[in-house]
N, C-alpha and C. Protein backbone atom coordinates (compact mmCIF):
# COMPACT_ATOMS: atom_id res chain seq x y z
N GLU A 1 0.57 -0.98 -0.05
CA GLU A 1 0.28 0.27 -0.34
C GLU A 1 1.01 1.58 0.01
N ALA A 2 1.53 1.41 0.83
CA ALA A 2 2.97 2.39 1.11
C ALA A 2 3.67 2.07 -0.43
N SER A 3 4.16 1.32 -1.33
CA SER A 3 4.60 1.87 -2.75
C SER A 3 3.42 2.33 -3.19
N LEU A 4 2.07 1.77 -3.78
CA LEU A 4 1.41 2.29 -4.78
C LEU A 4 0.98 3.80 -4.09
N GLU A 5 1.01 3.83 -2.86
CA GLU A 5 1.10 5.79 -2.33
C GLU A 5 2.20 6.53 -2.79
N ARG A 6 3.47 5.84 -2.77
CA ARG A 6 4.16 6.85 -3.15
C ARG A 6 4.39 6.74 -4.37
N MET A 7 4.21 5.95 -5.36
CA MET A 7 3.85 5.85 -6.81
C MET A 7 2.56 6.81 -7.08
N GLY A 8 1.76 6.98 -6.95
CA GLY A 8 0.47 7.44 -7.41
C GLY A 8 -0.11 6.71 -7.94
N LEU A 9 -0.13 5.36 -7.94
CA LEU A 9 -1.15 4.55 -8.40
C LEU A 9 -2.03 3.64 -8.12
N LYS A 10 -2.90 3.21 -8.22
CA LYS A 10 -3.78 2.59 -7.57
C LYS A 10 -3.67 0.94 -7.68
N TYR A 11 -3.18 0.24 -8.37
CA TYR A 11 -2.99 -0.78 -8.44
C TYR A 11 -1.38 -0.58 -9.94
N VAL A 12 -0.82 -1.83 -9.82
CA VAL A 12 0.17 -2.16 -10.80
C VAL A 12 -0.28 -3.64 -11.75
N ASP A 13 0.22 -3.30 -13.28
CA ASP A 13 0.01 -4.52 -13.65
C ASP A 13 0.25 -5.83 -13.37
N ILE A 14 1.56 -5.72 -13.12
CA ILE A 14 2.48 -7.21 -12.95
C ILE A 14 3.35 -6.95 -11.48
N ALA A 15 3.40 -7.65 -10.15
CA ALA A 15 3.89 -7.40 -9.41
C ALA A 15 5.20 -8.28 -9.77
N PHE A 16 6.55 -8.40 -9.08
CA PHE A 16 7.38 -9.50 -9.28
C PHE A 16 7.84 -9.50 -8.13
N CYS A 17 8.34 -11.24 -8.15
CA CYS A 17 9.07 -11.80 -7.01
C CYS A 17 10.61 -11.94 -7.30
N HIS A 18 10.99 -10.69 -6.66
CA HIS A 18 12.41 -10.47 -7.14
C HIS A 18 13.48 -11.57 -6.65
N ARG A 19 13.90 -12.24 -7.50
CA ARG A 19 14.65 -13.93 -6.93
C ARG A 19 13.77 -14.65 -5.80
N PRO A 20 13.83 -16.02 -6.26
CA PRO A 20 13.11 -17.00 -5.11
C PRO A 20 13.60 -16.78 -4.03
N ASP A 21 12.63 -17.22 -2.86
CA ASP A 21 13.55 -16.72 -1.45
C ASP A 21 13.20 -18.09 -0.51
N PRO A 22 14.32 -18.54 -0.05
CA PRO A 22 14.82 -19.92 0.06
C PRO A 22 13.94 -19.81 1.75
N GLU A 23 13.52 -18.70 2.27
CA GLU A 23 13.22 -18.65 3.36
C GLU A 23 12.03 -18.94 3.80
N THR A 24 11.26 -18.61 2.63
CA THR A 24 9.54 -18.76 2.70
C THR A 24 9.27 -19.82 1.58
N PRO A 25 8.12 -20.90 2.29
CA PRO A 25 7.57 -21.71 1.85
C PRO A 25 7.13 -21.12 0.37
N ILE A 26 6.98 -21.52 -0.94
CA ILE A 26 6.31 -21.35 -1.93
C ILE A 26 5.30 -21.37 -1.74
N ASP A 27 4.12 -22.09 -0.48
CA ASP A 27 2.95 -21.85 -0.75
C ASP A 27 2.31 -20.75 -0.66
N GLU A 28 3.52 -19.96 0.88
CA GLU A 28 3.06 -18.86 1.52
C GLU A 28 3.31 -17.46 0.51
N THR A 29 4.22 -17.60 -0.21
CA THR A 29 4.62 -16.66 -1.46
C THR A 29 3.36 -16.38 -2.74
N VAL A 30 2.98 -17.76 -2.71
CA VAL A 30 1.65 -17.84 -3.83
C VAL A 30 0.84 -17.58 -3.60
N ALA A 31 0.05 -17.47 -1.96
CA ALA A 31 -1.27 -17.24 -0.86
C ALA A 31 -0.60 -15.75 -1.03
N ALA A 32 0.38 -15.05 -0.69
CA ALA A 32 0.33 -13.62 -0.79
C ALA A 32 0.21 -13.09 -2.02
N MET A 33 1.20 -13.17 -3.00
CA MET A 33 0.86 -12.27 -4.16
C MET A 33 -0.72 -13.02 -5.26
N SER A 34 -1.14 -13.76 -4.51
CA SER A 34 -2.68 -14.39 -4.86
C SER A 34 -4.40 -13.05 -3.75
N ASP A 35 -3.48 -12.87 -2.56
CA ASP A 35 -4.06 -11.67 -2.00
C ASP A 35 -3.98 -10.55 -2.56
N MET A 36 -2.62 -10.09 -2.80
CA MET A 36 -2.27 -8.74 -3.76
C MET A 36 -3.46 -8.46 -4.64
N ILE A 37 -3.56 -9.81 -5.67
CA ILE A 37 -4.54 -9.44 -6.82
C ILE A 37 -5.77 -9.39 -6.14
N ASN A 38 -6.04 -10.49 -5.50
CA ASN A 38 -7.54 -10.10 -5.00
C ASN A 38 -8.08 -8.82 -4.44
N ARG A 39 -7.29 -7.82 -3.59
CA ARG A 39 -7.25 -6.97 -2.99
C ARG A 39 -7.16 -5.63 -4.46
N GLY A 40 -7.08 -5.93 -4.99
CA GLY A 40 -7.15 -4.99 -6.54
C GLY A 40 -5.75 -3.94 -6.59
N GLN A 41 -4.80 -4.70 -5.71
CA GLN A 41 -3.81 -4.19 -5.97
C GLN A 41 -2.23 -4.48 -6.86
N ALA A 42 -2.72 -5.55 -7.62
CA ALA A 42 -1.84 -6.25 -8.98
C ALA A 42 -3.02 -6.96 -10.00
N LEU A 43 -2.42 -6.41 -11.06
CA LEU A 43 -3.76 -7.47 -12.30
C LEU A 43 -2.93 -8.59 -12.03
N TYR A 44 -1.69 -8.77 -12.41
CA TYR A 44 -0.79 -10.28 -12.17
C TYR A 44 -0.11 -10.33 -11.64
N TRP A 45 1.10 -11.57 -11.12
CA TRP A 45 1.95 -11.69 -10.63
C TRP A 45 2.99 -12.15 -11.30
N GLY A 46 4.52 -12.12 -11.09
CA GLY A 46 5.34 -12.64 -11.88
C GLY A 46 6.78 -13.39 -11.01
N VAL A 47 7.33 -13.70 -12.00
CA VAL A 47 8.62 -14.18 -10.61
C VAL A 47 9.49 -13.56 -11.46
N SER A 48 10.77 -13.91 -10.71
CA SER A 48 12.23 -13.08 -11.44
C SER A 48 13.75 -14.12 -10.74
N GLU A 49 13.68 -14.94 -12.27
CA GLU A 49 15.32 -15.73 -11.57
C GLU A 49 14.77 -17.40 -10.74
N TRP A 50 13.82 -17.62 -11.08
CA TRP A 50 13.48 -18.80 -10.61
C TRP A 50 13.55 -19.55 -11.32
N SER A 51 13.82 -20.82 -10.70
CA SER A 51 13.94 -22.28 -11.21
C SER A 51 13.03 -22.41 -11.91
N SER A 52 12.86 -23.91 -13.01
CA SER A 52 12.07 -23.94 -13.49
C SER A 52 11.18 -24.91 -12.64
N SER A 53 11.78 -26.12 -11.76
CA SER A 53 11.03 -26.76 -10.51
C SER A 53 10.23 -25.47 -9.50
N GLU A 54 10.87 -24.08 -9.02
CA GLU A 54 10.07 -23.26 -8.36
C GLU A 54 8.91 -22.99 -9.00
N ILE A 55 9.06 -22.57 -10.29
CA ILE A 55 7.70 -22.17 -10.69
C ILE A 55 6.62 -23.01 -11.15
N ARG A 56 7.14 -24.40 -11.47
CA ARG A 56 6.04 -25.58 -11.77
C ARG A 56 5.74 -25.63 -10.26
N GLN A 57 6.17 -26.10 -8.80
CA GLN A 57 5.96 -25.38 -7.90
C GLN A 57 4.55 -24.72 -6.95
N ALA A 58 4.86 -23.17 -7.65
CA ALA A 58 4.38 -22.52 -7.41
C ALA A 58 2.72 -23.04 -8.01
N TYR A 59 2.69 -23.53 -9.53
CA TYR A 59 1.72 -23.56 -10.25
C TYR A 59 0.35 -25.15 -9.96
N VAL A 60 1.55 -25.44 -8.63
CA VAL A 60 0.70 -26.63 -8.39
C VAL A 60 0.35 -26.24 -7.19
N VAL A 61 0.61 -25.01 -6.76
CA VAL A 61 -0.03 -25.03 -4.82
C VAL A 61 -0.75 -24.03 -5.77
N ALA A 62 -0.96 -23.73 -6.83
CA ALA A 62 -1.84 -22.34 -7.16
C ALA A 62 -3.45 -23.23 -7.64
N GLU A 63 -3.19 -24.42 -8.11
CA GLU A 63 -4.02 -25.21 -8.62
C GLU A 63 -4.52 -25.79 -7.14
N LYS A 64 -3.90 -26.42 -6.25
CA LYS A 64 -4.00 -26.66 -5.45
C LYS A 64 -5.08 -26.37 -4.41
N TYR A 65 -4.86 -24.91 -4.25
CA TYR A 65 -5.44 -23.65 -3.27
C TYR A 65 -6.50 -22.96 -3.79
N ASN A 66 -6.63 -23.15 -5.72
CA ASN A 66 -7.38 -22.19 -5.70
C ASN A 66 -6.67 -20.99 -6.07
N LEU A 67 -5.78 -20.46 -5.98
CA LEU A 67 -4.95 -19.30 -6.16
C LEU A 67 -4.59 -18.91 -7.86
N ARG A 68 -3.98 -17.54 -7.50
CA ARG A 68 -3.62 -17.28 -8.13
C ARG A 68 -2.07 -17.67 -9.31
N ALA A 69 -1.60 -18.36 -9.81
CA ALA A 69 -0.50 -18.56 -10.18
C ALA A 69 0.18 -17.16 -11.18
N PRO A 70 1.48 -17.36 -11.22
CA PRO A 70 1.90 -16.71 -12.23
C PRO A 70 2.30 -16.42 -13.63
N VAL A 71 2.42 -15.20 -14.06
CA VAL A 71 1.79 -15.74 -15.73
C VAL A 71 3.54 -15.17 -16.22
N THR A 72 4.57 -14.63 -15.60
CA THR A 72 5.69 -14.36 -16.14
C THR A 72 6.64 -14.43 -15.58
N GLU A 73 7.99 -14.88 -16.13
CA GLU A 73 9.35 -15.17 -15.30
C GLU A 73 10.11 -13.49 -16.30
N GLN A 74 11.18 -13.36 -15.45
CA GLN A 74 11.77 -12.39 -15.56
C GLN A 74 13.52 -12.79 -14.82
N PRO A 75 14.11 -13.55 -16.38
CA PRO A 75 15.08 -14.04 -16.89
C PRO A 75 16.37 -12.79 -17.16
N GLN A 76 17.49 -13.35 -17.17
CA GLN A 76 18.58 -13.08 -17.81
C GLN A 76 18.60 -13.49 -19.22
N TYR A 77 18.54 -12.53 -20.79
CA TYR A 77 18.86 -13.49 -21.78
C TYR A 77 19.74 -12.67 -22.63
N ASN A 78 20.40 -13.13 -23.24
CA ASN A 78 21.10 -12.49 -24.13
C ASN A 78 21.87 -13.41 -25.08
N ILE A 79 22.31 -13.12 -26.18
CA ILE A 79 23.37 -13.51 -27.31
C ILE A 79 24.27 -14.80 -26.77
N PHE A 80 24.85 -14.54 -25.07
CA PHE A 80 25.67 -14.88 -24.81
C PHE A 80 24.87 -15.90 -22.90
N HIS A 81 24.08 -15.32 -23.51
CA HIS A 81 23.21 -16.42 -21.44
C HIS A 81 21.82 -17.29 -22.38
N ARG A 82 21.93 -17.91 -22.26
CA ARG A 82 20.92 -18.61 -23.12
C ARG A 82 20.18 -19.89 -22.56
N GLN A 83 21.16 -20.35 -21.54
CA GLN A 83 20.49 -22.12 -21.12
C GLN A 83 19.24 -21.74 -20.65
N ARG A 84 19.22 -20.75 -19.52
CA ARG A 84 17.42 -21.04 -18.71
C ARG A 84 16.63 -21.00 -19.67
N VAL A 85 16.92 -19.76 -20.48
CA VAL A 85 15.10 -19.50 -21.41
C VAL A 85 15.18 -20.26 -22.12
N GLU A 86 16.10 -21.35 -22.81
CA GLU A 86 16.32 -21.93 -24.09
C GLU A 86 16.06 -23.41 -23.32
N VAL A 87 16.35 -23.76 -22.55
CA VAL A 87 16.86 -25.15 -22.03
C VAL A 87 16.21 -25.36 -20.82
N GLU A 88 16.58 -24.84 -20.04
CA GLU A 88 15.47 -25.05 -18.81
C GLU A 88 13.93 -24.90 -18.60
N TYR A 89 13.63 -23.61 -19.22
CA TYR A 89 12.21 -23.49 -19.19
C TYR A 89 11.54 -24.09 -20.23
N GLU A 90 11.92 -24.89 -21.07
CA GLU A 90 11.17 -25.21 -22.44
C GLU A 90 9.66 -25.75 -22.17
N ASP A 91 9.87 -26.69 -20.88
CA ASP A 91 8.58 -27.42 -21.12
C ASP A 91 7.31 -25.93 -20.53
N LEU A 92 7.76 -25.15 -19.83
CA LEU A 92 6.94 -24.29 -18.69
C LEU A 92 6.12 -23.37 -20.46
N TYR A 93 6.63 -23.42 -21.37
CA TYR A 93 5.83 -22.48 -21.95
C TYR A 93 4.72 -23.11 -22.79
N THR A 94 4.62 -24.76 -22.83
CA THR A 94 3.83 -25.49 -23.14
C THR A 94 2.81 -25.60 -21.80
N ASP A 95 3.66 -26.31 -20.98
CA ASP A 95 2.70 -26.63 -19.81
C ASP A 95 1.88 -25.42 -19.45
N PHE A 96 2.58 -23.96 -19.07
CA PHE A 96 1.63 -23.03 -18.73
C PHE A 96 1.50 -21.81 -19.71
N GLY A 97 2.00 -21.69 -20.29
CA GLY A 97 1.88 -20.35 -21.25
C GLY A 97 2.61 -19.36 -20.63
N ILE A 98 3.58 -19.88 -19.91
CA ILE A 98 4.28 -18.83 -19.30
C ILE A 98 5.32 -17.94 -20.25
N GLY A 99 4.96 -16.26 -20.06
CA GLY A 99 5.73 -15.40 -20.47
C GLY A 99 7.08 -15.03 -20.24
N LEU A 100 7.96 -14.37 -21.06
CA LEU A 100 9.20 -13.88 -20.09
C LEU A 100 9.95 -12.18 -20.63
N THR A 101 9.78 -11.60 -19.17
CA THR A 101 9.99 -10.33 -19.47
C THR A 101 11.47 -10.26 -19.15
N THR A 102 12.36 -10.41 -20.17
CA THR A 102 13.66 -10.27 -19.77
C THR A 102 14.47 -9.53 -19.97
N TRP A 103 16.14 -9.60 -19.04
CA TRP A 103 16.66 -8.70 -19.29
C TRP A 103 17.83 -8.71 -19.34
N SER A 104 18.37 -7.93 -19.12
CA SER A 104 20.28 -7.68 -19.83
C SER A 104 20.24 -8.15 -20.96
N PRO A 105 19.82 -7.62 -22.07
CA PRO A 105 19.40 -7.86 -23.89
C PRO A 105 21.61 -7.88 -24.05
N LEU A 106 22.06 -7.05 -23.29
CA LEU A 106 22.96 -6.58 -23.93
C LEU A 106 24.37 -6.79 -23.23
N ALA A 107 24.01 -7.83 -22.45
CA ALA A 107 25.27 -8.55 -21.55
C ALA A 107 26.05 -7.86 -21.15
N SER A 108 24.96 -5.83 -20.30
CA SER A 108 25.58 -5.78 -18.78
C SER A 108 26.36 -4.64 -20.46
N GLY A 109 26.22 -4.76 -21.50
CA GLY A 109 26.94 -3.54 -22.62
C GLY A 109 27.72 -4.18 -23.36
N LEU A 110 28.39 -5.21 -22.84
CA LEU A 110 29.37 -5.83 -23.71
C LEU A 110 28.67 -6.48 -25.63
N LEU A 111 27.53 -6.29 -25.79
CA LEU A 111 27.12 -6.79 -26.88
C LEU A 111 27.00 -5.89 -27.67
N SER A 112 26.62 -4.56 -27.12
CA SER A 112 27.17 -2.73 -27.97
C SER A 112 28.40 -2.54 -28.72
N GLY A 113 29.91 -3.29 -28.20
CA GLY A 113 30.70 -3.27 -29.18
C GLY A 113 31.38 -2.18 -28.27
N LYS A 114 30.92 -2.11 -26.89
CA LYS A 114 31.56 -0.94 -26.12
C LYS A 114 32.95 -1.36 -25.62
N TYR A 115 33.35 -2.51 -25.73
CA TYR A 115 34.11 -2.74 -24.85
C TYR A 115 35.63 -3.45 -25.15
N THR A 116 36.06 -3.91 -26.62
CA THR A 116 36.41 -4.87 -27.78
C THR A 116 37.75 -4.07 -27.86
N ASN A 117 37.81 -2.17 -26.78
CA ASN A 117 39.46 -1.88 -27.06
C ASN A 117 38.85 -1.70 -25.73
N GLY A 118 39.01 -2.20 -24.79
CA GLY A 118 38.95 -1.42 -23.35
C GLY A 118 37.66 -1.30 -22.37
N VAL A 119 38.08 -0.58 -21.52
CA VAL A 119 37.18 0.03 -20.11
C VAL A 119 36.79 0.89 -20.72
N PRO A 120 35.76 2.03 -21.10
CA PRO A 120 35.36 3.67 -21.86
C PRO A 120 35.83 4.39 -20.50
N ALA A 121 35.82 5.35 -20.47
CA ALA A 121 35.72 5.94 -19.30
C ALA A 121 34.00 6.08 -19.25
N ASN A 122 33.66 6.30 -17.90
CA ASN A 122 31.87 6.48 -17.56
C ASN A 122 30.91 5.08 -18.17
N SER A 123 31.81 4.37 -18.75
CA SER A 123 30.68 2.81 -18.65
C SER A 123 30.43 2.54 -17.74
N ARG A 124 30.04 1.54 -17.52
CA ARG A 124 28.87 0.94 -16.15
C ARG A 124 30.38 -0.11 -15.72
N GLY A 125 31.44 -0.19 -16.60
CA GLY A 125 32.08 -1.25 -16.77
C GLY A 125 33.27 -0.51 -15.69
N SER A 126 33.20 0.76 -15.92
CA SER A 126 34.80 1.59 -15.37
C SER A 126 34.57 1.98 -14.05
N LEU A 127 32.86 2.16 -13.18
CA LEU A 127 32.36 2.17 -12.19
C LEU A 127 32.71 1.58 -11.06
N PRO A 128 32.94 2.08 -9.79
CA PRO A 128 33.76 1.85 -8.86
C PRO A 128 32.05 0.74 -7.99
N GLY A 129 32.93 -0.60 -7.82
CA GLY A 129 32.09 -1.42 -6.71
C GLY A 129 31.63 -2.62 -8.43
N TYR A 130 32.07 -2.27 -9.22
CA TYR A 130 31.64 -3.32 -10.18
C TYR A 130 32.65 -3.67 -11.10
N GLU A 131 33.59 -3.92 -10.17
CA GLU A 131 34.35 -4.68 -10.79
C GLU A 131 34.58 -6.39 -10.82
N TRP A 132 33.10 -6.49 -10.51
CA TRP A 132 33.06 -8.19 -10.34
C TRP A 132 32.45 -8.62 -12.11
N LEU A 133 32.39 -7.25 -12.76
CA LEU A 133 31.80 -7.18 -13.62
C LEU A 133 33.17 -7.18 -15.14
N ARG A 134 33.65 -6.24 -14.63
CA ARG A 134 34.68 -5.79 -15.51
C ARG A 134 35.50 -7.30 -16.21
N GLU A 135 35.68 -8.18 -15.15
CA GLU A 135 36.05 -9.39 -16.10
C GLU A 135 35.52 -10.03 -17.38
N SER A 136 34.04 -9.86 -17.42
CA SER A 136 33.25 -10.23 -17.93
C SER A 136 33.65 -10.02 -19.12
N LEU A 137 32.91 -7.95 -19.47
CA LEU A 137 33.49 -7.16 -19.81
C LEU A 137 34.15 -7.18 -21.17
N THR A 138 35.30 -7.55 -19.86
CA THR A 138 36.47 -7.64 -21.29
C THR A 138 37.65 -9.05 -21.47
N ASP A 139 36.73 -9.78 -21.20
CA ASP A 139 36.65 -11.06 -22.13
C ASP A 139 36.98 -11.17 -23.28
N PRO A 140 38.61 -11.62 -23.63
CA PRO A 140 38.94 -11.21 -24.96
C PRO A 140 38.46 -12.40 -26.04
N ASP A 141 37.62 -13.97 -25.78
CA ASP A 141 36.89 -14.60 -26.65
C ASP A 141 35.75 -13.94 -27.30
N ARG A 142 35.02 -13.13 -25.67
CA ARG A 142 33.54 -12.83 -26.45
C ARG A 142 33.79 -11.45 -26.88
N ASN A 143 34.67 -10.78 -26.93
CA ASN A 143 35.11 -9.51 -27.67
C ASN A 143 35.12 -9.77 -29.02
N LYS A 144 35.90 -10.59 -29.09
CA LYS A 144 36.00 -11.24 -30.27
C LYS A 144 35.01 -11.79 -31.35
N ALA A 145 34.30 -12.51 -30.64
CA ALA A 145 32.74 -12.71 -30.84
C ALA A 145 32.27 -11.73 -31.49
N VAL A 146 31.65 -10.66 -30.64
CA VAL A 146 31.15 -9.04 -30.45
C VAL A 146 31.82 -8.84 -31.63
N LEU A 147 33.27 -8.31 -31.80
CA LEU A 147 33.24 -7.94 -33.21
C LEU A 147 33.01 -8.44 -34.99
N MET A 148 32.45 -10.24 -34.49
CA MET A 148 32.00 -10.88 -35.41
C MET A 148 31.07 -10.67 -35.61
N LEU A 149 29.79 -10.13 -34.63
CA LEU A 149 28.99 -9.87 -34.64
C LEU A 149 28.35 -8.91 -35.31
N LYS A 150 29.21 -7.59 -34.87
CA LYS A 150 28.99 -6.17 -35.30
C LYS A 150 29.20 -6.52 -37.03
N ASP A 151 30.47 -6.76 -37.57
CA ASP A 151 30.28 -7.22 -38.26
C ASP A 151 28.83 -7.68 -39.76
N LEU A 152 28.24 -8.29 -38.68
CA LEU A 152 26.97 -9.41 -39.31
C LEU A 152 25.86 -8.37 -39.00
N ALA A 153 25.72 -7.62 -38.14
CA ALA A 153 25.05 -6.48 -38.02
C ALA A 153 24.99 -5.46 -39.01
N THR A 154 26.01 -5.03 -39.44
CA THR A 154 26.18 -4.65 -40.25
C THR A 154 25.93 -4.48 -41.98
N SER A 155 25.77 -6.19 -41.91
CA SER A 155 26.12 -6.67 -42.91
C SER A 155 23.64 -6.51 -43.42
N ILE A 156 23.15 -6.49 -42.49
CA ILE A 156 21.85 -6.10 -42.37
C ILE A 156 21.67 -4.91 -42.30
N GLY A 157 22.07 -4.15 -42.06
CA GLY A 157 22.22 -2.17 -42.23
C GLY A 157 21.67 -1.79 -40.25
N ALA A 158 22.56 -2.50 -39.29
CA ALA A 158 21.68 -2.95 -37.98
C ALA A 158 22.87 -2.54 -37.08
N SER A 159 23.12 -1.97 -36.06
CA SER A 159 24.31 -1.90 -35.20
C SER A 159 24.20 -3.07 -34.51
N PRO A 160 25.41 -3.20 -33.24
CA PRO A 160 25.51 -4.89 -32.74
C PRO A 160 24.34 -4.20 -31.56
N SER A 161 23.95 -3.29 -31.00
CA SER A 161 22.86 -3.81 -29.42
C SER A 161 21.40 -3.58 -30.51
N GLN A 162 21.31 -3.24 -32.03
CA GLN A 162 19.86 -3.71 -32.70
C GLN A 162 20.18 -5.03 -32.64
N LEU A 163 20.85 -6.09 -33.23
CA LEU A 163 21.24 -7.31 -33.77
C LEU A 163 20.77 -8.07 -32.04
N ALA A 164 21.58 -7.43 -30.87
CA ALA A 164 21.40 -7.84 -30.08
C ALA A 164 19.80 -8.05 -29.19
N LEU A 165 19.47 -6.75 -29.48
CA LEU A 165 17.78 -6.61 -29.28
C LEU A 165 16.79 -7.25 -29.96
N ALA A 166 17.33 -7.95 -31.00
CA ALA A 166 16.48 -8.22 -31.71
C ALA A 166 16.57 -9.92 -31.81
N PHE A 167 17.35 -9.93 -31.80
CA PHE A 167 17.82 -11.65 -30.90
C PHE A 167 17.51 -12.24 -30.09
N CYS A 168 16.81 -11.28 -28.98
CA CYS A 168 15.25 -11.86 -27.63
C CYS A 168 14.68 -11.80 -28.54
N LEU A 169 14.26 -10.96 -28.96
CA LEU A 169 12.79 -10.29 -29.56
C LEU A 169 12.27 -11.72 -30.62
N ALA A 170 13.39 -12.23 -30.73
CA ALA A 170 13.36 -13.29 -31.71
C ALA A 170 12.59 -14.94 -31.47
N ASN A 171 12.67 -14.72 -30.36
CA ASN A 171 12.61 -15.54 -30.00
C ASN A 171 11.16 -15.78 -29.19
N ARG A 172 10.42 -16.64 -29.93
CA ARG A 172 8.75 -16.40 -29.66
C ARG A 172 8.70 -16.64 -28.38
N ASN A 173 8.77 -17.01 -27.37
CA ASN A 173 8.38 -16.78 -25.80
C ASN A 173 8.57 -16.00 -24.97
N VAL A 174 9.51 -15.16 -25.76
CA VAL A 174 9.93 -13.59 -25.53
C VAL A 174 8.55 -12.45 -25.27
N SER A 175 8.17 -11.98 -24.56
CA SER A 175 7.03 -10.78 -24.67
C SER A 175 7.32 -9.93 -24.36
N THR A 176 8.63 -9.66 -23.78
CA THR A 176 8.82 -8.24 -23.96
C THR A 176 10.77 -8.04 -23.02
N VAL A 177 11.13 -7.16 -23.64
CA VAL A 177 12.86 -7.30 -23.07
C VAL A 177 12.52 -6.11 -22.61
N ILE A 178 13.63 -5.97 -21.44
CA ILE A 178 13.79 -4.89 -20.84
C ILE A 178 14.90 -4.55 -21.17
N THR A 179 15.02 -2.97 -21.40
CA THR A 179 16.58 -2.19 -21.97
C THR A 179 16.43 -1.09 -21.17
N GLY A 180 18.22 -0.65 -21.04
CA GLY A 180 18.60 0.71 -20.77
C GLY A 180 19.25 1.43 -21.60
N ALA A 181 18.92 2.83 -20.98
CA ALA A 181 19.75 3.91 -22.06
C ALA A 181 20.12 4.73 -21.39
N THR A 182 20.80 5.54 -21.52
CA THR A 182 21.64 7.05 -20.59
C THR A 182 21.31 8.45 -21.91
N SER A 183 20.72 7.90 -23.08
CA SER A 183 20.46 8.87 -23.58
C SER A 183 19.15 8.43 -24.79
N VAL A 184 18.40 10.02 -25.39
CA VAL A 184 17.66 10.28 -26.04
C VAL A 184 17.81 9.07 -27.37
N GLU A 185 19.08 9.33 -27.85
CA GLU A 185 19.48 8.50 -29.06
C GLU A 185 19.51 7.06 -28.64
N GLN A 186 20.28 6.43 -27.78
CA GLN A 186 20.43 5.18 -27.22
C GLN A 186 19.54 4.69 -27.83
N VAL A 187 17.89 5.19 -26.68
CA VAL A 187 16.24 4.69 -26.60
C VAL A 187 16.20 4.93 -28.68
N GLU A 188 16.29 5.57 -29.27
CA GLU A 188 15.66 5.51 -30.70
C GLU A 188 16.57 5.06 -31.19
N GLU A 189 17.81 4.18 -31.01
CA GLU A 189 18.35 3.39 -31.49
C GLU A 189 18.13 1.63 -31.27
N ASN A 190 17.82 1.38 -29.93
CA ASN A 190 17.17 0.52 -29.21
C ASN A 190 16.00 -0.23 -30.00
N MET A 191 14.94 1.21 -30.51
CA MET A 191 13.50 0.91 -30.94
C MET A 191 13.46 0.26 -32.17
N GLY A 192 14.85 0.70 -32.67
CA GLY A 192 15.20 0.20 -34.37
C GLY A 192 14.93 -1.32 -34.62
N ALA A 193 15.59 -2.17 -33.02
CA ALA A 193 15.23 -3.69 -33.28
C ALA A 193 14.31 -4.28 -33.23
N ILE A 194 12.68 -3.25 -33.05
CA ILE A 194 11.24 -3.76 -33.73
C ILE A 194 10.93 -4.53 -34.99
N LYS A 195 11.93 -3.37 -35.57
CA LYS A 195 11.42 -3.74 -37.00
C LYS A 195 12.73 -4.82 -37.83
N LEU A 196 14.24 -4.79 -37.23
CA LEU A 196 15.48 -5.86 -37.32
C LEU A 196 14.85 -7.05 -37.71
N TYR A 197 13.72 -7.49 -36.04
CA TYR A 197 14.25 -8.73 -35.77
C TYR A 197 13.35 -9.96 -35.93
N LYS A 198 12.68 -9.22 -37.61
CA LYS A 198 11.41 -10.06 -38.27
C LYS A 198 12.75 -10.42 -39.39
N LEU A 199 13.53 -9.56 -39.68
CA LEU A 199 14.74 -10.28 -40.59
C LEU A 199 15.48 -10.85 -40.08
N LEU A 200 15.41 -11.73 -39.03
CA LEU A 200 16.21 -12.43 -38.52
C LEU A 200 16.17 -14.05 -39.16
N THR A 201 16.14 -13.91 -39.68
CA THR A 201 16.08 -15.69 -40.66
C THR A 201 16.81 -17.04 -40.17
N PRO A 202 16.30 -18.33 -40.44
CA PRO A 202 17.24 -19.03 -39.35
C PRO A 202 18.67 -19.51 -40.06
N GLU A 203 18.82 -18.46 -40.74
CA GLU A 203 20.57 -18.90 -41.89
C GLU A 203 21.23 -17.64 -40.64
N LEU A 204 20.18 -16.65 -40.39
CA LEU A 204 21.45 -15.89 -39.62
C LEU A 204 21.28 -15.83 -38.07
N LEU A 205 20.20 -16.64 -37.61
CA LEU A 205 20.15 -17.15 -36.37
C LEU A 205 21.37 -18.16 -35.73
N ALA A 206 21.60 -18.76 -37.10
CA ALA A 206 22.61 -19.80 -37.69
C ALA A 206 23.96 -18.86 -37.14
N GLN A 207 24.46 -18.06 -37.84
CA GLN A 207 25.10 -17.61 -37.94
C GLN A 207 25.72 -17.21 -36.52
N ILE A 208 24.49 -16.46 -36.06
CA ILE A 208 24.91 -16.50 -34.76
C ILE A 208 25.73 -17.35 -33.27
N ASP A 209 24.78 -18.54 -33.70
CA ASP A 209 25.32 -19.37 -33.38
C ASP A 209 26.54 -20.04 -33.38
N ASP A 210 27.08 -20.16 -35.03
CA ASP A 210 28.20 -19.86 -34.95
C ASP A 210 29.62 -19.49 -34.09
N ILE A 211 29.30 -18.17 -34.30
CA ILE A 211 30.41 -16.96 -33.98
C ILE A 211 29.97 -17.28 -32.69
N THR A 212 29.33 -17.75 -31.69
CA THR A 212 29.06 -17.68 -30.15
C THR A 212 29.42 -19.21 -29.82
N ASN A 213 29.86 -20.08 -30.59
CA ASN A 213 29.78 -21.39 -30.48
C ASN A 213 31.43 -21.53 -29.70
N GLY A 214 30.83 -22.42 -28.07
CA GLY A 214 31.58 -22.42 -27.05
C GLY A 214 31.21 -21.10 -25.73
N LEU A 215 31.26 -20.43 -26.18
CA LEU A 215 31.21 -19.11 -25.26
C LEU A 215 29.70 -19.28 -24.86
N VAL A 216 28.55 -19.42 -25.31
CA VAL A 216 27.24 -19.52 -24.89
C VAL A 216 27.39 -20.26 -22.96
N SER A 217 26.34 -19.53 -21.82
CA SER A 217 26.18 -20.20 -20.90
C SER A 217 24.36 -20.01 -20.55
């Protein structure tokens, strides 16, 4: 109630359980989220980075006690990070029709190409407290792949960022992609992916697979 008051809203469209809580039984979580919907404080609820088994258990609990089940999952998903979305969750799409609200489509900026020559000033990788991320952003093998992806993007009249975003959109199980930007120009560039993703043929997706072979988690 306090959050809604601060936001000046009567309800939110979707309330997310941001990461699973190992200290709370899933049946209590499902009951609490279902109660929030019944009170009119949210229309739906979803989860973020829950395992397939945890999501499935939430559906079992919801059916057993006639409660509201989650309708979406918020996982990390990008060209280099695919295992959970493309393999682990595979049965959830057909069994429950769950949608995905994915985050980090540019792999923290790596797929934009900005780290191919080191860490630029004022980038996320240069900020204090982000030392844990710097090693991944400057990985030589992944940056070599990014340069190849850049060439592929250029061949279809796109930027590396647009290609990375379009890759996520091309997955039929992805409902929406969370993007980030520090300027209006970046927002406009990102939106170009909306038209681009329809151009990603099976052949182009196969080229992305070849470029990133051995680098995908």
